[in-house]
Amino acid sequence: MFHILKNIIWIVGFVVVAGFVLNYFGYEINRNYFQERKGDCQEKLKECQSKLLHEGLDNAKCNFNCLDPKLIIRKK
């Protein structure tokens, strides 16, 4: 139990230090990214579902990439 707590503290500390380092080098973390992109991802999912229903399982090719790292950490 102690090891789990210690690891959680290390991970949180690393995330905090990484945030300060990114801020120092002129980057910021977009904390609203998932709220902003939720509608776009749902639209892509609906499109993929309809394509899957029409083409079947063998021919369906969905380009479902909702996570863009360039938009999560961006230059100020």
N, C-alpha and C. Protein backbone atom coordinates (compact mmCIF):
# COMPACT_ATOMS: atom_id res chain seq x y z
N MET A 1 0.83 -1.19 0.00
CA MET A 1 0.00 0.00 0.00
C MET A 1 0.87 1.25 0.00
N PHE A 2 1.95 1.20 0.76
CA PHE A 2 2.84 2.35 0.84
C PHE A 2 3.49 2.63 -0.51
N HIS A 3 3.84 1.57 -1.24
CA HIS A 3 4.49 1.74 -2.54
C HIS A 3 3.55 2.39 -3.56
N ILE A 4 2.29 2.04 -3.50
CA ILE A 4 1.32 2.66 -4.42
C ILE A 4 1.19 4.14 -4.13
N LEU A 5 1.09 4.49 -2.87
CA LEU A 5 0.98 5.90 -2.48
C LEU A 5 2.24 6.67 -2.87
N LYS A 6 3.39 6.06 -2.67
CA LYS A 6 4.65 6.70 -3.04
C LYS A 6 4.73 6.92 -4.55
N ASN A 7 4.31 5.94 -5.33
CA ASN A 7 4.33 6.09 -6.79
C ASN A 7 3.36 7.16 -7.26
N ILE A 8 2.20 7.24 -6.65
CA ILE A 8 1.23 8.29 -7.01
C ILE A 8 1.81 9.66 -6.72
N ILE A 9 2.48 9.82 -5.60
CA ILE A 9 3.09 11.11 -5.25
C ILE A 9 4.18 11.46 -6.26
N TRP A 10 4.98 10.49 -6.67
CA TRP A 10 6.03 10.74 -7.67
C TRP A 10 5.43 11.16 -9.01
N ILE A 11 4.37 10.50 -9.43
CA ILE A 11 3.74 10.83 -10.71
C ILE A 11 3.13 12.22 -10.67
N VAL A 12 2.44 12.56 -9.60
CA VAL A 12 1.86 13.90 -9.48
C VAL A 12 2.96 14.95 -9.45
N GLY A 13 4.03 14.68 -8.74
CA GLY A 13 5.16 15.61 -8.71
C GLY A 13 5.78 15.81 -10.08
N PHE A 14 5.92 14.73 -10.84
CA PHE A 14 6.47 14.82 -12.19
C PHE A 14 5.57 15.66 -13.09
N VAL A 15 4.26 15.47 -12.99
CA VAL A 15 3.32 16.23 -13.82
C VAL A 15 3.39 17.72 -13.47
N VAL A 16 3.49 18.04 -12.21
CA VAL A 16 3.58 19.45 -11.79
C VAL A 16 4.87 20.07 -12.31
N VAL A 17 5.99 19.38 -12.16
CA VAL A 17 7.27 19.91 -12.64
C VAL A 17 7.25 20.04 -14.16
N ALA A 18 6.67 19.08 -14.86
CA ALA A 18 6.57 19.16 -16.33
C ALA A 18 5.74 20.36 -16.75
N GLY A 19 4.69 20.66 -16.01
CA GLY A 19 3.87 21.84 -16.32
C GLY A 19 4.66 23.12 -16.18
N PHE A 20 5.47 23.24 -15.13
CA PHE A 20 6.29 24.43 -14.96
C PHE A 20 7.37 24.53 -16.04
N VAL A 21 7.96 23.41 -16.41
CA VAL A 21 8.99 23.41 -17.45
C VAL A 21 8.39 23.82 -18.80
N LEU A 22 7.23 23.30 -19.13
CA LEU A 22 6.56 23.70 -20.37
C LEU A 22 6.24 25.19 -20.37
N ASN A 23 5.77 25.68 -19.25
CA ASN A 23 5.45 27.11 -19.13
C ASN A 23 6.71 27.95 -19.28
N TYR A 24 7.82 27.49 -18.74
CA TYR A 24 9.09 28.22 -18.83
C TYR A 24 9.55 28.35 -20.29
N PHE A 25 9.36 27.29 -21.08
CA PHE A 25 9.80 27.29 -22.47
C PHE A 25 8.75 27.85 -23.43
N GLY A 26 7.68 28.43 -22.91
CA GLY A 26 6.70 29.11 -23.74
C GLY A 26 5.58 28.25 -24.27
N TYR A 27 5.29 27.15 -23.63
CA TYR A 27 4.18 26.29 -24.03
C TYR A 27 3.12 26.31 -22.96
N GLU A 28 1.90 25.98 -23.34
CA GLU A 28 0.83 25.87 -22.36
C GLU A 28 0.02 24.61 -22.64
N ILE A 29 -0.59 24.08 -21.61
CA ILE A 29 -1.41 22.89 -21.74
C ILE A 29 -2.85 23.35 -21.92
N ASN A 30 -3.47 22.91 -23.01
CA ASN A 30 -4.85 23.27 -23.31
C ASN A 30 -5.77 22.39 -22.46
N ARG A 31 -6.24 22.92 -21.36
CA ARG A 31 -7.05 22.14 -20.43
C ARG A 31 -8.49 21.95 -20.93
N ASN A 32 -8.92 22.73 -21.89
CA ASN A 32 -10.28 22.61 -22.43
C ASN A 32 -10.32 21.78 -23.70
N TYR A 33 -9.24 21.11 -24.03
CA TYR A 33 -9.15 20.38 -25.31
C TYR A 33 -10.27 19.36 -25.47
N PHE A 34 -10.50 18.57 -24.45
CA PHE A 34 -11.48 17.49 -24.58
C PHE A 34 -12.90 18.02 -24.63
N GLN A 35 -13.18 19.13 -23.96
CA GLN A 35 -14.51 19.73 -24.06
C GLN A 35 -14.72 20.35 -25.44
N GLU A 36 -13.68 20.94 -26.00
CA GLU A 36 -13.78 21.58 -27.31
C GLU A 36 -13.93 20.54 -28.42
N ARG A 37 -13.24 19.43 -28.33
CA ARG A 37 -13.20 18.43 -29.39
C ARG A 37 -14.29 17.36 -29.27
N LYS A 38 -15.07 17.40 -28.21
CA LYS A 38 -16.07 16.36 -27.97
C LYS A 38 -17.08 16.28 -29.12
N GLY A 39 -17.57 17.41 -29.59
CA GLY A 39 -18.54 17.43 -30.68
C GLY A 39 -17.97 16.88 -31.97
N ASP A 40 -16.73 17.25 -32.28
CA ASP A 40 -16.08 16.74 -33.50
C ASP A 40 -15.89 15.23 -33.43
N CYS A 41 -15.49 14.73 -32.28
CA CYS A 41 -15.28 13.29 -32.13
C CYS A 41 -16.60 12.52 -32.23
N GLN A 42 -17.66 13.08 -31.66
CA GLN A 42 -18.96 12.42 -31.77
C GLN A 42 -19.44 12.39 -33.22
N GLU A 43 -19.17 13.46 -33.96
CA GLU A 43 -19.54 13.51 -35.37
C GLU A 43 -18.76 12.46 -36.18
N LYS A 44 -17.47 12.33 -35.90
CA LYS A 44 -16.66 11.31 -36.58
C LYS A 44 -17.16 9.91 -36.24
N LEU A 45 -17.55 9.71 -34.99
CA LEU A 45 -18.05 8.40 -34.57
C LEU A 45 -19.36 8.05 -35.29
N LYS A 46 -20.26 9.02 -35.42
CA LYS A 46 -21.52 8.77 -36.14
C LYS A 46 -21.26 8.45 -37.60
N GLU A 47 -20.32 9.18 -38.21
CA GLU A 47 -19.97 8.92 -39.61
C GLU A 47 -19.38 7.52 -39.78
N CYS A 48 -18.53 7.14 -38.85
CA CYS A 48 -17.91 5.81 -38.90
C CYS A 48 -18.96 4.72 -38.70
N GLN A 49 -19.91 4.95 -37.80
CA GLN A 49 -20.96 3.96 -37.57
C GLN A 49 -21.82 3.77 -38.81
N SER A 50 -22.18 4.87 -39.47
CA SER A 50 -23.01 4.74 -40.66
C SER A 50 -22.23 4.06 -41.79
N LYS A 51 -20.94 4.36 -41.90
CA LYS A 51 -20.10 3.72 -42.92
C LYS A 51 -20.00 2.22 -42.63
N LEU A 52 -19.87 1.88 -41.37
CA LEU A 52 -19.77 0.47 -40.97
C LEU A 52 -21.05 -0.28 -41.30
N LEU A 53 -22.20 0.36 -41.08
CA LEU A 53 -23.48 -0.29 -41.38
C LEU A 53 -23.67 -0.48 -42.88
N HIS A 54 -23.23 0.48 -43.68
CA HIS A 54 -23.45 0.40 -45.12
C HIS A 54 -22.45 -0.52 -45.81
N GLU A 55 -21.21 -0.52 -45.40
CA GLU A 55 -20.18 -1.28 -46.09
C GLU A 55 -19.92 -2.65 -45.48
N GLY A 56 -20.35 -2.86 -44.28
CA GLY A 56 -20.11 -4.13 -43.62
C GLY A 56 -18.77 -4.14 -42.90
N LEU A 57 -18.53 -5.20 -42.21
CA LEU A 57 -17.32 -5.29 -41.39
C LEU A 57 -16.05 -5.45 -42.21
N ASP A 58 -16.12 -6.09 -43.36
CA ASP A 58 -14.92 -6.38 -44.13
C ASP A 58 -14.36 -5.15 -44.84
N ASN A 59 -15.22 -4.26 -45.31
CA ASN A 59 -14.77 -3.13 -46.11
C ASN A 59 -14.68 -1.82 -45.34
N ALA A 60 -15.03 -1.82 -44.09
CA ALA A 60 -15.07 -0.57 -43.32
C ALA A 60 -13.66 -0.13 -42.96
N LYS A 61 -13.37 1.12 -43.27
CA LYS A 61 -12.09 1.72 -42.90
C LYS A 61 -12.39 3.08 -42.29
N CYS A 62 -12.26 3.18 -40.98
CA CYS A 62 -12.55 4.42 -40.28
C CYS A 62 -11.25 5.06 -39.84
N ASN A 63 -11.06 6.30 -40.22
CA ASN A 63 -9.91 7.07 -39.75
C ASN A 63 -10.38 7.85 -38.53
N PHE A 64 -10.31 7.22 -37.38
CA PHE A 64 -10.87 7.78 -36.16
C PHE A 64 -9.73 8.22 -35.25
N ASN A 65 -9.28 9.45 -35.44
CA ASN A 65 -8.18 9.99 -34.65
C ASN A 65 -8.67 11.27 -33.98
N CYS A 66 -9.12 11.15 -32.74
CA CYS A 66 -9.67 12.31 -32.02
C CYS A 66 -8.62 13.02 -31.17
N LEU A 67 -7.53 12.39 -30.90
CA LEU A 67 -6.53 12.96 -30.02
C LEU A 67 -5.38 13.51 -30.85
N ASP A 68 -5.19 14.82 -30.80
CA ASP A 68 -4.11 15.47 -31.54
C ASP A 68 -3.15 16.11 -30.53
N PRO A 69 -1.98 15.52 -30.31
CA PRO A 69 -1.05 16.05 -29.30
C PRO A 69 -0.61 17.48 -29.58
N LYS A 70 -0.63 17.89 -30.84
CA LYS A 70 -0.21 19.25 -31.17
C LYS A 70 -1.18 20.29 -30.64
N LEU A 71 -2.42 19.89 -30.38
CA LEU A 71 -3.41 20.82 -29.86
C LEU A 71 -3.52 20.76 -28.34
N ILE A 72 -3.01 19.70 -27.73
CA ILE A 72 -3.06 19.61 -26.27
C ILE A 72 -1.96 20.48 -25.67
N ILE A 73 -0.76 20.39 -26.20
CA ILE A 73 0.36 21.23 -25.75
C ILE A 73 0.67 22.17 -26.90
N ARG A 74 0.42 23.45 -26.69
CA ARG A 74 0.58 24.42 -27.78
C ARG A 74 1.46 25.58 -27.34
N LYS A 75 2.01 26.26 -28.32
CA LYS A 75 2.87 27.42 -28.09
C LYS A 75 2.00 28.59 -27.65
N LYS A 76 2.50 29.38 -26.70
CA LYS A 76 1.75 30.55 -26.23
C LYS A 76 1.72 31.63 -27.27
